[in-house]
Protein backbone atom coordinates (compact mmCIF):
# COMPACT_ATOMS: atom_id res chain seq x y z
CA UNK A 1 61.94 -74.33 104.86
CA UNK A 2 63.23 -72.35 101.89
CA UNK A 3 65.60 -73.53 99.17
CA UNK A 4 68.23 -70.77 99.16
CA UNK A 5 71.21 -70.29 96.88
CA UNK A 6 74.12 -68.10 97.97
CA UNK A 7 76.20 -66.83 95.05
CA UNK A 8 79.80 -66.48 96.21
CA UNK A 9 81.81 -68.73 98.53
CA UNK A 10 84.13 -66.14 100.01
CA UNK A 11 84.06 -65.58 103.75
CA UNK A 12 80.84 -63.51 103.56
CA UNK A 13 79.04 -66.10 101.44
CA UNK A 14 80.25 -68.97 103.63
CA UNK A 15 79.17 -67.26 106.85
CA UNK A 16 75.79 -66.44 105.33
CA UNK A 17 75.23 -69.98 104.07
CA UNK A 18 76.06 -71.42 107.49
CA UNK A 19 73.74 -68.99 109.29
CA UNK A 20 70.84 -69.75 106.94
CA UNK A 21 71.52 -73.45 107.34
CA UNK A 22 71.32 -73.04 111.12
CA UNK A 23 67.90 -71.42 110.66
CA UNK A 24 66.63 -74.61 109.03
CA UNK A 25 66.83 -73.68 105.35
CA UNK A 26 68.16 -75.92 102.60
CA UNK A 27 71.17 -74.01 101.29
CA UNK A 28 73.55 -74.33 98.34
CA UNK A 29 76.62 -72.24 97.57
CA UNK A 30 77.58 -71.37 94.00
CA UNK A 31 81.11 -70.20 93.20
CA UNK A 32 83.16 -70.58 90.04
CA UNK A 33 86.44 -70.93 91.97
CA UNK A 34 85.58 -72.74 95.19
CA UNK A 35 85.54 -71.71 98.88
CA UNK A 36 87.78 -68.82 99.86
CA UNK A 37 89.72 -68.70 96.61
CA UNK A 38 89.41 -65.02 95.72
CA UNK A 39 89.67 -61.91 97.97
CA UNK A 40 89.14 -63.98 101.12
CA UNK A 41 92.28 -66.04 100.44
CA UNK A 42 94.82 -63.25 100.76
CA UNK A 43 93.44 -60.77 103.26
CA UNK A 44 95.39 -59.44 106.22
CA UNK A 45 93.73 -61.90 108.65
CA UNK A 46 92.37 -59.31 111.09
CA UNK A 47 88.96 -59.09 112.75
CA UNK A 48 89.21 -55.29 112.70
CA UNK A 49 86.09 -54.55 114.74
CA UNK A 50 87.91 -51.61 116.36
CA UNK A 51 87.93 -49.57 113.13
CA UNK A 52 85.56 -46.60 113.08
CA UNK A 53 86.75 -44.10 110.47
CA UNK A 54 85.71 -44.73 106.84
CA UNK A 55 88.25 -44.42 104.05
CA UNK A 56 86.58 -41.24 102.81
CA UNK A 57 87.43 -39.39 106.01
CA UNK A 58 88.01 -35.75 106.76
CA UNK A 59 91.18 -34.46 105.11
CA UNK A 60 91.73 -37.54 102.93
CA UNK A 61 91.97 -35.40 99.81
CA UNK A 62 95.04 -33.61 101.14
CA UNK A 63 96.88 -36.94 101.13
CA UNK A 64 95.73 -38.35 97.80
CA UNK A 65 97.74 -36.09 95.41
CA UNK A 66 100.99 -37.07 97.10
CA UNK A 67 100.06 -40.74 97.01
CA UNK A 68 99.21 -40.58 93.32
CA UNK A 69 102.60 -39.09 92.50
CA UNK A 70 104.15 -42.37 93.67
CA UNK A 71 103.09 -45.13 91.23
CA UNK A 72 104.07 -47.74 93.84
CA UNK A 73 102.60 -45.88 96.82
CA UNK A 74 99.50 -46.50 98.98
CA UNK A 75 97.07 -45.43 96.24
CA UNK A 76 97.45 -45.79 92.49
CA UNK A 77 95.21 -45.57 89.43
CA UNK A 78 96.19 -47.52 86.35
CA UNK A 79 96.20 -45.11 83.36
CA UNK A 80 94.03 -47.48 81.32
CA UNK A 81 91.37 -47.30 84.04
CA UNK A 82 91.48 -43.60 84.94
CA UNK A 83 88.32 -42.52 83.11
CA UNK A 84 86.32 -45.50 84.33
CA UNK A 85 87.14 -44.83 87.98
CA UNK A 86 86.34 -41.09 87.82
CA UNK A 87 82.60 -41.39 88.75
CA UNK A 88 83.52 -43.54 91.77
CA UNK A 89 86.17 -41.04 92.83
CA UNK A 90 83.64 -38.21 92.68
CA UNK A 91 81.30 -40.19 94.94
CA UNK A 92 84.25 -40.95 97.23
CA UNK A 93 84.95 -37.23 97.43
CA UNK A 94 81.32 -36.50 98.29
CA UNK A 95 81.40 -39.15 101.01
CA UNK A 96 84.07 -37.16 102.86
CA UNK A 97 81.75 -34.14 103.30
CA UNK A 98 80.54 -33.71 106.92
CA UNK A 99 76.91 -34.78 106.33
CA UNK A 100 77.84 -37.94 104.43
CA UNK A 101 80.80 -38.68 106.69
CA UNK A 102 78.52 -38.70 109.75
CA UNK A 103 76.33 -41.33 108.05
CA UNK A 104 79.36 -43.45 107.14
CA UNK A 105 80.83 -43.35 110.66
CA UNK A 106 77.47 -44.32 112.15
CA UNK A 107 77.09 -47.23 109.74
CA UNK A 108 80.65 -48.49 110.09
CA UNK A 109 80.73 -48.21 113.88
CA UNK A 110 77.40 -50.03 114.20
CA UNK A 111 78.34 -53.02 112.06
CA UNK A 112 81.89 -53.32 113.40
CA UNK A 113 80.72 -53.16 117.03
CA UNK A 114 78.43 -56.13 116.36
CA UNK A 115 81.04 -58.04 114.34
CA UNK A 116 83.04 -59.78 117.06
CA UNK A 117 80.03 -61.12 119.05
CA UNK A 118 78.56 -62.42 115.78
CA UNK A 119 81.82 -64.17 114.96
CA UNK A 120 81.94 -65.74 118.41
CA UNK A 121 78.51 -67.25 117.76
CA UNK A 122 79.55 -68.53 114.34
CA UNK A 123 82.91 -69.93 115.52
CA UNK A 124 81.11 -71.79 118.28
CA UNK A 125 78.37 -73.15 116.00
CA UNK A 126 80.77 -74.20 113.22
CA UNK A 127 83.59 -75.56 115.39
CA UNK A 128 86.14 -73.15 113.88
CA UNK A 129 87.18 -71.20 117.00
CA UNK A 130 90.66 -72.77 116.85
CA UNK A 131 91.55 -70.53 113.88
CA UNK A 132 91.23 -67.35 115.93
CA UNK A 133 93.31 -65.71 118.65
CA UNK A 134 93.44 -62.44 120.54
CA UNK A 135 96.22 -60.29 119.13
CA UNK A 136 96.76 -56.59 119.61
CA UNK A 137 97.18 -54.29 116.63
CA UNK A 138 99.99 -51.77 116.48
CA UNK A 139 99.78 -48.64 114.36
CA UNK A 140 103.31 -47.49 113.71
CA UNK A 141 104.63 -44.23 112.25
CA UNK A 142 108.00 -42.96 111.11
CA UNK A 143 107.14 -39.25 111.34
CA UNK A 144 105.97 -37.37 114.42
CA UNK A 145 103.70 -35.15 112.31
CA UNK A 146 101.73 -38.24 111.26
CA UNK A 147 101.08 -39.08 114.89
CA UNK A 148 99.86 -35.58 115.63
CA UNK A 149 97.48 -35.85 112.68
CA UNK A 150 95.98 -39.17 113.74
CA UNK A 151 95.32 -38.47 117.43
CA UNK A 152 91.80 -37.24 116.67
CA UNK A 153 91.01 -40.61 115.08
CA UNK A 154 92.29 -42.44 118.16
CA UNK A 155 90.07 -40.22 120.31
CA UNK A 156 87.09 -41.03 118.11
CA UNK A 157 87.75 -44.73 118.66
CA UNK A 158 87.89 -44.16 122.43
CA UNK A 159 84.54 -42.37 122.25
CA UNK A 160 83.14 -45.57 120.76
CA UNK A 161 84.44 -47.57 123.73
CA UNK A 162 87.61 -48.89 122.05
CA UNK A 163 90.86 -48.95 124.01
CA UNK A 164 93.72 -47.15 122.26
CA UNK A 165 97.11 -46.74 123.96
CA UNK A 166 99.50 -44.18 122.47
CA UNK A 167 103.12 -45.40 122.56
CA UNK A 168 106.55 -43.95 121.93
CA UNK A 169 108.97 -45.56 119.52
CA UNK A 170 110.91 -47.13 122.40
CA UNK A 171 107.71 -48.53 123.91
CA UNK A 172 106.83 -50.08 120.56
CA UNK A 173 110.27 -51.69 120.36
CA UNK A 174 109.79 -53.11 123.85
CA UNK A 175 106.73 -54.93 122.47
CA UNK A 176 108.29 -55.73 119.09
CA UNK A 177 112.13 -55.73 119.29
CA UNK A 178 112.53 -56.35 115.55
CA UNK A 179 111.40 -52.81 114.65
CA UNK A 180 113.99 -50.31 113.43
CA UNK A 181 114.81 -47.04 115.19
CA UNK A 182 112.99 -45.15 112.44
CA UNK A 183 109.68 -46.01 114.14
CA UNK A 184 109.02 -42.90 116.26
CA UNK A 185 105.70 -43.88 117.81
CA UNK A 186 102.17 -45.08 117.30
CA UNK A 187 99.39 -46.80 119.19
CA UNK A 188 98.33 -50.20 120.45
CA UNK A 189 94.73 -51.40 120.09
CA UNK A 190 94.65 -54.44 122.41
CA UNK A 191 91.20 -55.73 121.45
CA UNK A 192 92.10 -56.76 117.91
CA UNK A 193 91.52 -60.39 116.85
CA UNK A 194 93.39 -62.31 114.14
CA UNK A 195 92.98 -65.62 112.33
CA UNK A 196 95.85 -68.02 111.75
CA UNK A 197 95.16 -68.32 108.01
CA UNK A 198 92.16 -66.72 106.26
CA UNK A 199 92.02 -69.41 103.57
CA UNK A 200 92.16 -72.21 106.14
CA UNK A 201 89.28 -70.58 108.04
CA UNK A 202 87.24 -70.48 104.82
CA UNK A 203 87.94 -74.15 104.14
CA UNK A 204 86.91 -75.06 107.69
CA UNK A 205 83.66 -73.09 107.32
CA UNK A 206 83.02 -74.89 104.02
CA UNK A 207 83.62 -78.26 105.68
CA UNK A 208 81.14 -77.43 108.45
CA UNK A 209 78.58 -76.35 105.85
CA UNK A 210 78.93 -79.57 103.85
CA UNK A 211 78.99 -81.70 106.98
CA UNK A 212 75.55 -80.34 107.83
CA UNK A 213 74.13 -81.18 104.41
CA UNK A 214 75.01 -78.07 102.41
CA UNK A 215 76.03 -78.28 98.76
CA UNK A 216 78.80 -76.32 97.05
CA UNK A 217 78.39 -76.00 93.29
CA UNK A 218 81.43 -74.94 91.28
CA UNK A 219 79.84 -72.83 88.58
CA UNK A 220 79.33 -69.28 87.38
CA UNK A 221 76.02 -67.39 87.41
CA UNK A 222 75.59 -65.20 84.34
CA UNK A 223 72.04 -63.97 84.83
CA UNK A 224 69.45 -63.70 87.57
CA UNK A 225 65.73 -63.33 86.92
CA UNK A 226 62.73 -63.09 89.29
CA UNK A 227 59.94 -65.31 88.01
CA UNK A 228 56.75 -65.64 90.05
CA UNK A 229 57.47 -67.42 93.33
CA UNK A 230 61.02 -68.30 92.32
CA UNK A 231 64.30 -66.81 91.19
CA UNK A 232 65.81 -68.26 88.05
CA UNK A 233 69.59 -68.51 87.94
CA UNK A 234 71.30 -68.99 84.59
CA UNK A 235 74.63 -70.76 84.99
CA UNK A 236 77.35 -72.07 82.70
CA UNK A 237 76.23 -74.69 80.21
CA UNK A 238 72.85 -72.92 79.81
CA UNK A 239 71.55 -74.76 82.86
CA UNK A 240 68.84 -73.05 84.91
CA UNK A 241 68.41 -73.32 88.66
CA UNK A 242 65.15 -72.46 90.43
CA UNK A 243 65.50 -71.02 93.92
CA UNK A 244 63.10 -69.78 96.57
CA UNK A 245 65.58 -67.09 97.58
CA UNK A 246 68.99 -65.93 96.38
CA UNK A 247 71.78 -64.11 98.23
CA UNK A 248 74.28 -62.24 96.07
CA UNK A 249 77.61 -62.31 97.94
CA UNK A 250 80.16 -62.55 95.13
CA UNK A 251 82.23 -59.54 96.10
CA UNK A 252 83.57 -57.38 93.29
CA UNK A 253 81.60 -59.46 90.78
CA UNK A 254 78.24 -58.58 92.38
CA UNK A 255 77.75 -55.34 90.46
CA UNK A 256 76.59 -56.96 87.22
CA UNK A 257 74.00 -59.17 88.91
CA UNK A 258 72.65 -56.26 90.97
CA UNK A 259 72.29 -54.17 87.81
CA UNK A 260 70.13 -56.91 86.29
CA UNK A 261 67.73 -56.34 89.20
CA UNK A 262 67.60 -52.57 88.77
CA UNK A 263 70.23 -51.61 91.35
CA UNK A 264 73.09 -49.68 89.79
CA UNK A 265 75.39 -49.69 92.77
CA UNK A 266 78.69 -47.74 92.59
CA UNK A 267 80.78 -50.81 93.34
CA UNK A 268 84.44 -50.78 92.40
CA UNK A 269 87.34 -53.11 92.95
CA UNK A 270 90.37 -52.07 94.96
CA UNK A 271 93.18 -54.32 93.84
CA UNK A 272 95.23 -55.30 96.90
CA UNK A 273 98.65 -56.97 96.84
CA UNK A 274 100.66 -58.94 99.36
CA UNK A 275 103.63 -61.23 99.79
CA UNK A 276 103.79 -64.04 102.35
CA UNK A 277 107.26 -65.03 103.54
CA UNK A 278 107.51 -68.60 104.85
CA UNK A 279 110.87 -68.05 106.61
CA UNK A 280 110.83 -64.33 107.54
CA UNK A 281 113.51 -64.41 110.26
CA UNK A 282 111.38 -61.97 112.30
CA UNK A 283 108.40 -62.68 114.51
CA UNK A 284 105.59 -60.37 115.55
CA UNK A 285 103.36 -60.69 118.62
CA UNK A 286 100.93 -58.08 117.28
CA UNK A 287 99.32 -57.32 113.95
CA UNK A 288 100.93 -54.19 112.51
CA UNK A 289 99.37 -51.39 110.47
CA UNK A 290 101.56 -48.80 108.75
CA UNK A 291 98.96 -46.19 107.70
CA UNK A 292 101.49 -43.66 106.40
CA UNK A 293 102.80 -46.20 103.89
CA UNK A 294 99.51 -48.01 103.27
CA UNK A 295 100.31 -51.60 104.24
CA UNK A 296 99.98 -54.14 107.04
CA UNK A 297 102.21 -56.88 108.42
CA UNK A 298 100.59 -59.98 109.92
CA UNK A 299 102.02 -63.12 111.49
CA UNK A 300 100.18 -66.14 110.06
CA UNK A 301 100.56 -69.83 110.85
CA UNK A 302 102.57 -70.33 107.66
CA UNK A 303 104.60 -67.14 107.52
CA UNK A 304 104.65 -63.35 107.65
CA UNK A 305 102.28 -61.51 105.31
CA UNK A 306 103.12 -58.01 104.04
CA UNK A 307 100.39 -56.39 102.01
CA UNK A 308 97.70 -53.81 101.50
CA UNK A 309 97.62 -50.60 99.45
CA UNK A 310 94.98 -49.70 96.88
CA UNK A 311 95.16 -49.88 93.12
CA UNK A 312 92.25 -49.01 90.87
CA UNK A 313 92.52 -51.09 87.74
CA UNK A 314 89.28 -53.05 87.41
CA UNK A 315 88.87 -56.78 87.12
CA UNK A 316 90.62 -57.40 83.81
CA UNK A 317 94.05 -55.73 83.79
CA UNK A 318 97.13 -57.80 84.62
CA UNK A 319 98.65 -57.56 88.08
CA UNK A 320 101.45 -55.06 88.66
CA UNK A 321 103.73 -57.14 90.88
CA UNK A 322 106.05 -54.18 91.43
CA UNK A 323 103.47 -52.98 93.97
CA UNK A 324 103.86 -56.12 96.08
CA UNK A 325 107.64 -55.85 95.85
CA UNK A 326 107.56 -52.17 96.87
CA UNK A 327 105.59 -52.95 100.04
CA UNK A 328 107.97 -55.76 100.92
CA UNK A 329 110.93 -53.41 100.47
CA UNK A 330 109.30 -50.77 102.71
CA UNK A 331 108.55 -53.43 105.32
CA UNK A 332 112.22 -54.41 105.36
CA UNK A 333 113.12 -50.83 106.30
CA UNK A 334 110.91 -51.12 109.38
CA UNK A 335 111.95 -54.71 110.06
CA UNK A 336 115.66 -54.82 109.05
CA UNK A 337 115.97 -58.53 109.81
CA UNK A 338 113.20 -59.52 107.39
CA UNK A 339 114.26 -62.37 105.09
CA UNK A 340 112.59 -61.68 101.76
CA UNK A 341 113.63 -64.91 100.05
CA UNK A 342 110.97 -67.30 98.74
CA UNK A 343 108.03 -64.93 99.15
CA UNK A 344 104.71 -65.89 97.53
CA UNK A 345 102.99 -62.90 95.91
CA UNK A 346 99.22 -62.50 95.58
CA UNK A 347 96.73 -60.00 94.18
CA UNK A 348 93.00 -59.84 94.94
CA UNK A 349 89.98 -57.63 94.31
CA UNK A 350 88.36 -55.91 97.29
CA UNK A 351 84.70 -55.01 96.57
CA UNK A 352 84.52 -51.37 97.67
CA UNK A 353 81.81 -48.76 97.98
CA UNK A 354 82.67 -45.04 98.01
CA UNK A 355 81.18 -44.52 101.49
CA UNK A 356 82.99 -47.58 102.96
CA UNK A 357 79.68 -49.23 103.89
CA UNK A 358 78.65 -52.63 102.52
CA UNK A 359 75.46 -53.36 100.61
CA UNK A 360 73.12 -55.44 102.76
CA UNK A 361 69.42 -55.63 101.97
CA UNK A 362 66.82 -56.69 99.44
CA UNK A 363 67.05 -55.91 95.74
CA UNK A 364 64.91 -53.22 94.18
CA UNK A 365 62.74 -55.59 92.12
CA UNK A 366 62.37 -58.61 94.39
CA UNK A 367 62.54 -59.36 98.11
CA UNK A 368 63.50 -62.88 97.09
CA UNK A 369 66.99 -61.54 96.33
CA UNK A 370 69.16 -60.19 99.15
CA UNK A 371 72.52 -58.47 98.79
CA UNK A 372 75.61 -59.08 100.92
CA UNK A 373 78.62 -57.49 99.22
CA UNK A 374 80.82 -54.39 99.05
CA UNK A 375 82.66 -54.84 102.36
CA UNK A 376 85.93 -53.37 101.07
CA UNK A 377 88.74 -53.91 103.59
CA UNK A 378 86.36 -55.46 106.14
CA UNK A 379 84.97 -58.59 104.51
CA UNK A 380 86.52 -60.88 107.09
CA UNK A 381 85.59 -58.55 109.95
CA UNK A 382 81.95 -58.09 108.96
CA UNK A 383 81.16 -61.53 107.52
CA UNK A 384 79.41 -63.06 110.53
CA UNK A 385 77.25 -60.04 111.38
CA UNK A 386 76.35 -59.68 107.70
CA UNK A 387 75.20 -63.29 107.78
CA UNK A 388 72.95 -62.59 110.76
CA UNK A 389 71.48 -59.47 109.16
CA UNK A 390 70.76 -61.33 105.91
CA UNK A 391 69.14 -64.17 107.85
CA UNK A 392 66.94 -61.71 109.75
CA UNK A 393 65.82 -60.06 106.51
CA UNK A 394 65.02 -63.35 104.81
CA UNK A 395 63.14 -64.68 107.84
CA UNK A 396 61.12 -61.47 108.21
CA UNK A 397 62.64 -60.57 111.57
CA UNK A 398 63.79 -57.13 112.66
CA UNK A 399 67.55 -56.94 111.99
CA UNK A 400 69.92 -56.25 114.88
CA UNK A 401 71.10 -53.13 113.05
CA UNK A 402 69.10 -50.69 110.93
CA UNK A 403 69.82 -52.07 107.45
CA UNK A 404 68.64 -48.92 105.69
CA UNK A 405 72.19 -47.73 106.39
CA UNK A 406 73.43 -50.38 103.96
CA UNK A 407 70.62 -50.46 101.40
CA UNK A 408 71.52 -50.62 97.71
CA UNK A 409 68.97 -47.86 97.17
CA UNK A 410 70.86 -45.38 99.38
CA UNK A 411 72.62 -43.82 96.40
């Protein structure tokens, strides 16, 4: 039995801690904010295992200039952060080249295909299955040219065994009568899964972890240091913690700790915004993605969440709440009956890699440290399978997926 510390109590850290606990290890979670309080709190609530294409896909660069011209559009770079994000953007550009893109599609398809079965195992083991339900996902478009441009992506999904049904605007309104006539068409992906409230799921996972003897320490790790047969963690108050093994799963804050271990990963934060309306006056049976405008609409147990988009501004700059308001305004054009009163706005930091693949594997300097971060838009989706892969690596077993695809040393 190992004494293992997992740094980060978001959904990835929680899933990993539970899996390691199931394997018989003594596990503690360390997080300065508490379970599910950062990026995991405000995500779009989808188990998006049906996604195949990485963000850095073919032709993405034709779209980016137009997006950047709109400061409240799907993609924005804060002027104060423009020079800092340039190296990441260059890597992102390189990831869209055919040779790199093939690697990214292979890695993303492999981990997403395994995601839902892994979640089913974790929901069953933790008693949290009640948070999850089968819900289709609609992609909707307001321009026919957008549909023509995305059909190749739908076909790629079908080639990976995913059902995609192309629909007309009228067929979409038969499913979701609240949509405006401006929706000209799109597609339904019936196999999508959603959770009723991402934060509630995290709290339930934390309760299961503590119920089985796990400890959650509210603290911040400033430094990590391999030392003989242990890993030394330096936390607030100059306290030191000795651990047999450490998992770094603190999302966008993982970069600094990885660098201390010799892994200079190109991790950036995509700042995502949303607004949750408690009395929206519209109701959706399906999750909704609006790729042309860069946001999603999800029905949660406590309201309707409108959010998404990407803003590069690092971890320190203040939130630009106009971005959340702009998405809500665009959503009201598609859903004319949407009541936008009393919305609660939120901003979080997605930990994103330029090739859209997470970092899962041992550190460069010590196999007593394992990484589990950089999941971008798919932290909720990939949390349970990441937990299983990390557990396999720590236990010396052959992982279910080739983890060289996700190694920190791939760059």
